[in-house]
């Protein structure tokens, strides 16, 4: 039985929706964008100022800090703001895991919680065309903008993950489940994850 599910996802693959629906189905707490909101509050920094910094840490010192015990060094005044943000998010993720019964989306949470025996690490992806179609439909944007957004988010997420973990973001070896939501569909992904959680 898993009571912690972490989800990394490609932009417009359906990972966020899968995480939300999975949490609702299981009665688990969902941690996604609310992690950033809580981190901004804890660091006493306006949300508008901190929003663009998420997943932008250089990783120069974070690879070692990401392995530190609960709490990290988010209060260290010498750290760049992006690094403080990551470490505060890490602290929130670790506290959520201690409570259990949670679904955590993004923020290298699978890596942070990799030693937790009751955590299930999931990667959600879909082929390029299905992601483009989903981005256009859900965001109401033109194809050219969708193309640019896909590239930007994938580069940002993979660069951040790789820098703080020294692992490849999309490497199947980093996950217990690697799911093609473009083929399986959102509903089936959620049902499969529910069964996996039940063990």
C-alpha atoms as a PDB file:
ATOM      1  CA  UNK A   1       0.000   0.000   0.000  1.00  0.00           C
ATOM      2  CA  UNK A   2       1.362   3.386  -1.025  1.00  0.00           C
ATOM      3  CA  UNK A   3       0.197   6.492   0.790  1.00  0.00           C
ATOM      4  CA  UNK A   4       2.482   8.974  -0.977  1.00  0.00           C
ATOM      5  CA  UNK A   5       2.264   9.445  -4.756  1.00  0.00           C
ATOM      6  CA  UNK A   6       4.639  11.803  -6.532  1.00  0.00           C
ATOM      7  CA  UNK A   7       4.005  12.843 -10.118  1.00  0.00           C
ATOM      8  CA  UNK A   8       6.429  14.397 -12.572  1.00  0.00           C
ATOM      9  CA  UNK A   9       4.809  15.358 -15.864  1.00  0.00           C
ATOM     10  CA  UNK A  10       5.470  16.836 -19.242  1.00  0.00           C
ATOM     11  CA  UNK A  11       3.576  20.043 -19.958  1.00  0.00           C
ATOM     12  CA  UNK A  12       0.050  19.411 -21.317  1.00  0.00           C
ATOM     13  CA  UNK A  13       0.352  15.656 -20.807  1.00  0.00           C
ATOM     14  CA  UNK A  14      -2.533  15.595 -18.326  1.00  0.00           C
ATOM     15  CA  UNK A  15      -0.337  15.027 -15.267  1.00  0.00           C
ATOM     16  CA  UNK A  16      -1.887  17.812 -13.222  1.00  0.00           C
ATOM     17  CA  UNK A  17      -5.421  16.603 -13.910  1.00  0.00           C
ATOM     18  CA  UNK A  18      -4.429  13.020 -13.121  1.00  0.00           C
ATOM     19  CA  UNK A  19      -2.914  14.143  -9.809  1.00  0.00           C
ATOM     20  CA  UNK A  20      -6.009  16.131  -8.882  1.00  0.00           C
ATOM     21  CA  UNK A  21      -8.453  13.361  -9.757  1.00  0.00           C
ATOM     22  CA  UNK A  22      -6.328  10.718  -8.064  1.00  0.00           C
ATOM     23  CA  UNK A  23      -6.219  12.737  -4.842  1.00  0.00           C
ATOM     24  CA  UNK A  24      -9.991  13.266  -4.961  1.00  0.00           C
ATOM     25  CA  UNK A  25     -10.660   9.565  -5.604  1.00  0.00           C
ATOM     26  CA  UNK A  26      -8.417   8.425  -2.760  1.00  0.00           C
ATOM     27  CA  UNK A  27      -9.387  11.172  -0.325  1.00  0.00           C
ATOM     28  CA  UNK A  28      -5.720  12.242  -0.196  1.00  0.00           C
ATOM     29  CA  UNK A  29      -4.388  15.782   0.138  1.00  0.00           C
ATOM     30  CA  UNK A  30      -3.143  17.324  -3.113  1.00  0.00           C
ATOM     31  CA  UNK A  31       0.073  19.310  -3.149  1.00  0.00           C
ATOM     32  CA  UNK A  32       0.743  21.138  -6.385  1.00  0.00           C
ATOM     33  CA  UNK A  33       0.674  24.897  -6.881  1.00  0.00           C
ATOM     34  CA  UNK A  34      -0.351  25.322  -3.261  1.00  0.00           C
ATOM     35  CA  UNK A  35       3.230  24.337  -2.316  1.00  0.00           C
ATOM     36  CA  UNK A  36       4.470  27.530  -3.987  1.00  0.00           C
ATOM     37  CA  UNK A  37       1.809  29.633  -2.271  1.00  0.00           C
ATOM     38  CA  UNK A  38       2.727  28.212   1.139  1.00  0.00           C
ATOM     39  CA  UNK A  39       6.456  28.639   0.467  1.00  0.00           C
ATOM     40  CA  UNK A  40       5.980  32.300  -0.463  1.00  0.00           C
ATOM     41  CA  UNK A  41       4.013  32.859   2.740  1.00  0.00           C
ATOM     42  CA  UNK A  42       6.622  31.095   4.886  1.00  0.00           C
ATOM     43  CA  UNK A  43       9.462  33.074   3.313  1.00  0.00           C
ATOM     44  CA  UNK A  44       7.446  36.298   3.697  1.00  0.00           C
ATOM     45  CA  UNK A  45       7.868  37.124   0.024  1.00  0.00           C
ATOM     46  CA  UNK A  46       5.032  38.378  -2.220  1.00  0.00           C
ATOM     47  CA  UNK A  47       3.688  35.577  -4.404  1.00  0.00           C
ATOM     48  CA  UNK A  48       4.025  37.692  -7.563  1.00  0.00           C
ATOM     49  CA  UNK A  49       7.744  38.088  -6.904  1.00  0.00           C
ATOM     50  CA  UNK A  50       8.429  34.438  -6.220  1.00  0.00           C
ATOM     51  CA  UNK A  51       6.231  32.808  -8.887  1.00  0.00           C
ATOM     52  CA  UNK A  52       8.755  33.204 -11.715  1.00  0.00           C
ATOM     53  CA  UNK A  53      11.582  31.766  -9.629  1.00  0.00           C
ATOM     54  CA  UNK A  54      10.073  28.338  -9.155  1.00  0.00           C
ATOM     55  CA  UNK A  55      12.018  25.525 -10.798  1.00  0.00           C
ATOM     56  CA  UNK A  56      14.762  27.968 -11.766  1.00  0.00           C
ATOM     57  CA  UNK A  57      17.441  27.158  -9.185  1.00  0.00           C
ATOM     58  CA  UNK A  58      20.915  26.761 -10.612  1.00  0.00           C
ATOM     59  CA  UNK A  59      21.577  23.592  -8.685  1.00  0.00           C
ATOM     60  CA  UNK A  60      25.119  24.718  -7.909  1.00  0.00           C
ATOM     61  CA  UNK A  61      24.688  23.889  -4.228  1.00  0.00           C
ATOM     62  CA  UNK A  62      21.258  22.302  -4.240  1.00  0.00           C
ATOM     63  CA  UNK A  63      22.325  18.814  -5.217  1.00  0.00           C
ATOM     64  CA  UNK A  64      23.877  18.376  -1.767  1.00  0.00           C
ATOM     65  CA  UNK A  65      21.255  20.444   0.027  1.00  0.00           C
ATOM     66  CA  UNK A  66      18.447  18.407  -1.524  1.00  0.00           C
ATOM     67  CA  UNK A  67      19.820  15.434   0.399  1.00  0.00           C
ATOM     68  CA  UNK A  68      19.791  17.208   3.758  1.00  0.00           C
ATOM     69  CA  UNK A  69      17.387  16.253   6.555  1.00  0.00           C
ATOM     70  CA  UNK A  70      13.978  17.811   7.022  1.00  0.00           C
ATOM     71  CA  UNK A  71      14.147  21.592   7.000  1.00  0.00           C
ATOM     72  CA  UNK A  72      17.217  22.162   4.851  1.00  0.00           C
ATOM     73  CA  UNK A  73      18.706  25.637   4.820  1.00  0.00           C
ATOM     74  CA  UNK A  74      15.907  27.817   3.488  1.00  0.00           C
ATOM     75  CA  UNK A  75      16.594  30.461   6.151  1.00  0.00           C
ATOM     76  CA  UNK A  76      20.224  30.912   5.112  1.00  0.00           C
ATOM     77  CA  UNK A  77      20.471  34.607   4.156  1.00  0.00           C
ATOM     78  CA  UNK A  78      23.399  33.994   1.808  1.00  0.00           C
ATOM     79  CA  UNK A  79      21.442  31.742  -0.550  1.00  0.00           C
ATOM     80  CA  UNK A  80      19.906  33.116  -3.773  1.00  0.00           C
ATOM     81  CA  UNK A  81      16.132  33.533  -3.518  1.00  0.00           C
ATOM     82  CA  UNK A  82      15.464  30.727  -6.043  1.00  0.00           C
ATOM     83  CA  UNK A  83      17.496  28.337  -3.890  1.00  0.00           C
ATOM     84  CA  UNK A  84      15.685  29.415  -0.731  1.00  0.00           C
ATOM     85  CA  UNK A  85      12.414  28.773  -2.524  1.00  0.00           C
ATOM     86  CA  UNK A  86      13.421  25.245  -3.528  1.00  0.00           C
ATOM     87  CA  UNK A  87      14.562  24.392  -0.022  1.00  0.00           C
ATOM     88  CA  UNK A  88      11.363  25.735   1.493  1.00  0.00           C
ATOM     89  CA  UNK A  89       9.335  23.697  -0.988  1.00  0.00           C
ATOM     90  CA  UNK A  90      11.464  20.676  -0.079  1.00  0.00           C
ATOM     91  CA  UNK A  91      10.627  21.205   3.593  1.00  0.00           C
ATOM     92  CA  UNK A  92       6.897  21.406   2.783  1.00  0.00           C
ATOM     93  CA  UNK A  93       7.119  18.217   0.692  1.00  0.00           C
ATOM     94  CA  UNK A  94       8.911  16.338   3.470  1.00  0.00           C
ATOM     95  CA  UNK A  95       6.324  17.454   6.026  1.00  0.00           C
ATOM     96  CA  UNK A  96       3.511  16.344   3.697  1.00  0.00           C
ATOM     97  CA  UNK A  97       5.178  12.943   3.353  1.00  0.00           C
ATOM     98  CA  UNK A  98       5.475  12.588   7.119  1.00  0.00           C
ATOM     99  CA  UNK A  99       1.701  13.037   7.374  1.00  0.00           C
ATOM    100  CA  UNK A 100       1.110  10.624   4.468  1.00  0.00           C
ATOM    101  CA  UNK A 101      -2.025  10.194   2.343  1.00  0.00           C
ATOM    102  CA  UNK A 102      -0.916  12.744  -0.227  1.00  0.00           C
ATOM    103  CA  UNK A 103      -0.395  13.283  -3.953  1.00  0.00           C
ATOM    104  CA  UNK A 104       2.488  15.639  -4.769  1.00  0.00           C
ATOM    105  CA  UNK A 105       2.856  17.046  -8.276  1.00  0.00           C
ATOM    106  CA  UNK A 106       6.255  18.164  -9.586  1.00  0.00           C
ATOM    107  CA  UNK A 107       9.045  19.978  -7.749  1.00  0.00           C
ATOM    108  CA  UNK A 108      11.393  16.946  -7.841  1.00  0.00           C
ATOM    109  CA  UNK A 109       9.229  15.436  -5.090  1.00  0.00           C
ATOM    110  CA  UNK A 110       9.901  11.877  -6.232  1.00  0.00           C
ATOM    111  CA  UNK A 111      13.620  12.400  -5.835  1.00  0.00           C
ATOM    112  CA  UNK A 112      13.230  14.175  -2.495  1.00  0.00           C
ATOM    113  CA  UNK A 113      11.149  11.261  -1.165  1.00  0.00           C
ATOM    114  CA  UNK A 114      13.007   8.485  -3.020  1.00  0.00           C
ATOM    115  CA  UNK A 115      13.919   6.659   0.197  1.00  0.00           C
ATOM    116  CA  UNK A 116      10.341   6.514   1.467  1.00  0.00           C
ATOM    117  CA  UNK A 117       9.192   2.908   1.076  1.00  0.00           C
ATOM    118  CA  UNK A 118       5.543   3.906   0.925  1.00  0.00           C
ATOM    119  CA  UNK A 119       5.998   6.391  -1.946  1.00  0.00           C
ATOM    120  CA  UNK A 120       5.106   5.687  -5.563  1.00  0.00           C
ATOM    121  CA  UNK A 121       7.004   7.724  -8.157  1.00  0.00           C
ATOM    122  CA  UNK A 122       5.125   8.357 -11.403  1.00  0.00           C
ATOM    123  CA  UNK A 123       6.034  10.075 -14.677  1.00  0.00           C
ATOM    124  CA  UNK A 124       3.235  11.183 -17.023  1.00  0.00           C
ATOM    125  CA  UNK A 125       3.870  11.929 -20.686  1.00  0.00           C
ATOM    126  CA  UNK A 126       2.114  12.010 -24.056  1.00  0.00           C
ATOM    127  CA  UNK A 127       3.251  12.383 -27.639  1.00  0.00           C
ATOM    128  CA  UNK A 128       3.955  15.819 -29.045  1.00  0.00           C
ATOM    129  CA  UNK A 129       0.798  16.224 -31.131  1.00  0.00           C
ATOM    130  CA  UNK A 130      -1.542  15.202 -28.324  1.00  0.00           C
ATOM    131  CA  UNK A 131       0.147  17.649 -25.983  1.00  0.00           C
ATOM    132  CA  UNK A 132      -0.140  20.434 -28.552  1.00  0.00           C
ATOM    133  CA  UNK A 133      -3.836  19.674 -29.000  1.00  0.00           C
ATOM    134  CA  UNK A 134      -4.413  19.628 -25.244  1.00  0.00           C
ATOM    135  CA  UNK A 135      -2.559  22.927 -24.753  1.00  0.00           C
ATOM    136  CA  UNK A 136      -4.605  24.619 -27.501  1.00  0.00           C
ATOM    137  CA  UNK A 137      -7.907  23.306 -26.119  1.00  0.00           C
ATOM    138  CA  UNK A 138      -7.228  23.953 -22.439  1.00  0.00           C
ATOM    139  CA  UNK A 139      -5.285  27.217 -22.672  1.00  0.00           C
ATOM    140  CA  UNK A 140      -7.068  28.723 -25.673  1.00  0.00           C
ATOM    141  CA  UNK A 141      -3.789  29.508 -27.412  1.00  0.00           C
ATOM    142  CA  UNK A 142      -2.623  29.265 -31.016  1.00  0.00           C
ATOM    143  CA  UNK A 143      -0.474  26.388 -32.230  1.00  0.00           C
ATOM    144  CA  UNK A 144       2.709  28.468 -32.479  1.00  0.00           C
ATOM    145  CA  UNK A 145       2.303  29.624 -28.885  1.00  0.00           C
ATOM    146  CA  UNK A 146       1.550  26.062 -27.772  1.00  0.00           C
ATOM    147  CA  UNK A 147       4.749  24.835 -29.456  1.00  0.00           C
ATOM    148  CA  UNK A 148       6.820  27.477 -27.692  1.00  0.00           C
ATOM    149  CA  UNK A 149       5.154  26.823 -24.341  1.00  0.00           C
ATOM    150  CA  UNK A 150       5.808  23.077 -24.571  1.00  0.00           C
ATOM    151  CA  UNK A 151       9.476  23.649 -25.312  1.00  0.00           C
ATOM    152  CA  UNK A 152       9.832  26.241 -22.563  1.00  0.00           C
ATOM    153  CA  UNK A 153       8.185  24.209 -19.818  1.00  0.00           C
ATOM    154  CA  UNK A 154       9.889  20.935 -20.723  1.00  0.00           C
ATOM    155  CA  UNK A 155      13.277  22.660 -20.776  1.00  0.00           C
ATOM    156  CA  UNK A 156      12.603  24.430 -17.483  1.00  0.00           C
ATOM    157  CA  UNK A 157      11.334  21.327 -15.686  1.00  0.00           C
ATOM    158  CA  UNK A 158      14.032  19.001 -16.975  1.00  0.00           C
ATOM    159  CA  UNK A 159      16.798  21.537 -16.319  1.00  0.00           C
ATOM    160  CA  UNK A 160      15.615  22.098 -12.766  1.00  0.00           C
ATOM    161  CA  UNK A 161      15.186  18.397 -11.997  1.00  0.00           C
ATOM    162  CA  UNK A 162      18.527  17.462 -13.523  1.00  0.00           C
ATOM    163  CA  UNK A 163      20.352  20.224 -11.652  1.00  0.00           C
ATOM    164  CA  UNK A 164      19.031  19.336  -8.193  1.00  0.00           C
ATOM    165  CA  UNK A 165      19.124  15.551  -8.569  1.00  0.00           C
ATOM    166  CA  UNK A 166      21.994  14.860 -10.987  1.00  0.00           C
ATOM    167  CA  UNK A 167      19.562  12.524 -12.751  1.00  0.00           C
ATOM    168  CA  UNK A 168      17.635  12.766 -16.002  1.00  0.00           C
ATOM    169  CA  UNK A 169      14.098  14.032 -15.446  1.00  0.00           C
ATOM    170  CA  UNK A 170      12.510  11.683 -17.977  1.00  0.00           C
ATOM    171  CA  UNK A 171      14.637   8.603 -17.225  1.00  0.00           C
ATOM    172  CA  UNK A 172      12.240   5.669 -16.604  1.00  0.00           C
ATOM    173  CA  UNK A 173      14.654   4.254 -14.021  1.00  0.00           C
ATOM    174  CA  UNK A 174      13.747   7.140 -11.705  1.00  0.00           C
ATOM    175  CA  UNK A 175      10.104   6.043 -11.483  1.00  0.00           C
ATOM    176  CA  UNK A 176       8.034   3.012 -10.568  1.00  0.00           C
ATOM    177  CA  UNK A 177       5.379   3.905 -13.168  1.00  0.00           C
ATOM    178  CA  UNK A 178       5.933   5.595 -16.529  1.00  0.00           C
ATOM    179  CA  UNK A 179       2.550   6.340 -18.092  1.00  0.00           C
ATOM    180  CA  UNK A 180       1.571   7.504 -21.570  1.00  0.00           C
ATOM    181  CA  UNK A 181      -1.569   9.491 -20.830  1.00  0.00           C
ATOM    182  CA  UNK A 182      -1.941  10.319 -24.515  1.00  0.00           C
ATOM    183  CA  UNK A 183      -2.576   6.645 -25.286  1.00  0.00           C
ATOM    184  CA  UNK A 184      -4.126   5.445 -22.027  1.00  0.00           C
ATOM    185  CA  UNK A 185      -6.286   8.499 -21.407  1.00  0.00           C
ATOM    186  CA  UNK A 186      -6.816  10.369 -18.139  1.00  0.00           C
ATOM    187  CA  UNK A 187      -9.521   8.055 -16.783  1.00  0.00           C
ATOM    188  CA  UNK A 188      -7.511   4.867 -17.239  1.00  0.00           C
ATOM    189  CA  UNK A 189      -4.370   6.437 -15.785  1.00  0.00           C
ATOM    190  CA  UNK A 190      -6.311   7.404 -12.664  1.00  0.00           C
ATOM    191  CA  UNK A 191      -7.857   3.929 -12.344  1.00  0.00           C
ATOM    192  CA  UNK A 192      -4.480   2.238 -12.793  1.00  0.00           C
ATOM    193  CA  UNK A 193      -2.907   4.476 -10.185  1.00  0.00           C
ATOM    194  CA  UNK A 194      -5.706   3.760  -7.721  1.00  0.00           C
ATOM    195  CA  UNK A 195      -5.048   0.032  -8.161  1.00  0.00           C
ATOM    196  CA  UNK A 196      -1.299   0.564  -7.789  1.00  0.00           C
ATOM    197  CA  UNK A 197      -1.820   2.542  -4.572  1.00  0.00           C
ATOM    198  CA  UNK A 198      -3.920  -0.273  -3.142  1.00  0.00           C
ATOM    199  CA  UNK A 199      -1.029  -2.644  -3.895  1.00  0.00           C
END
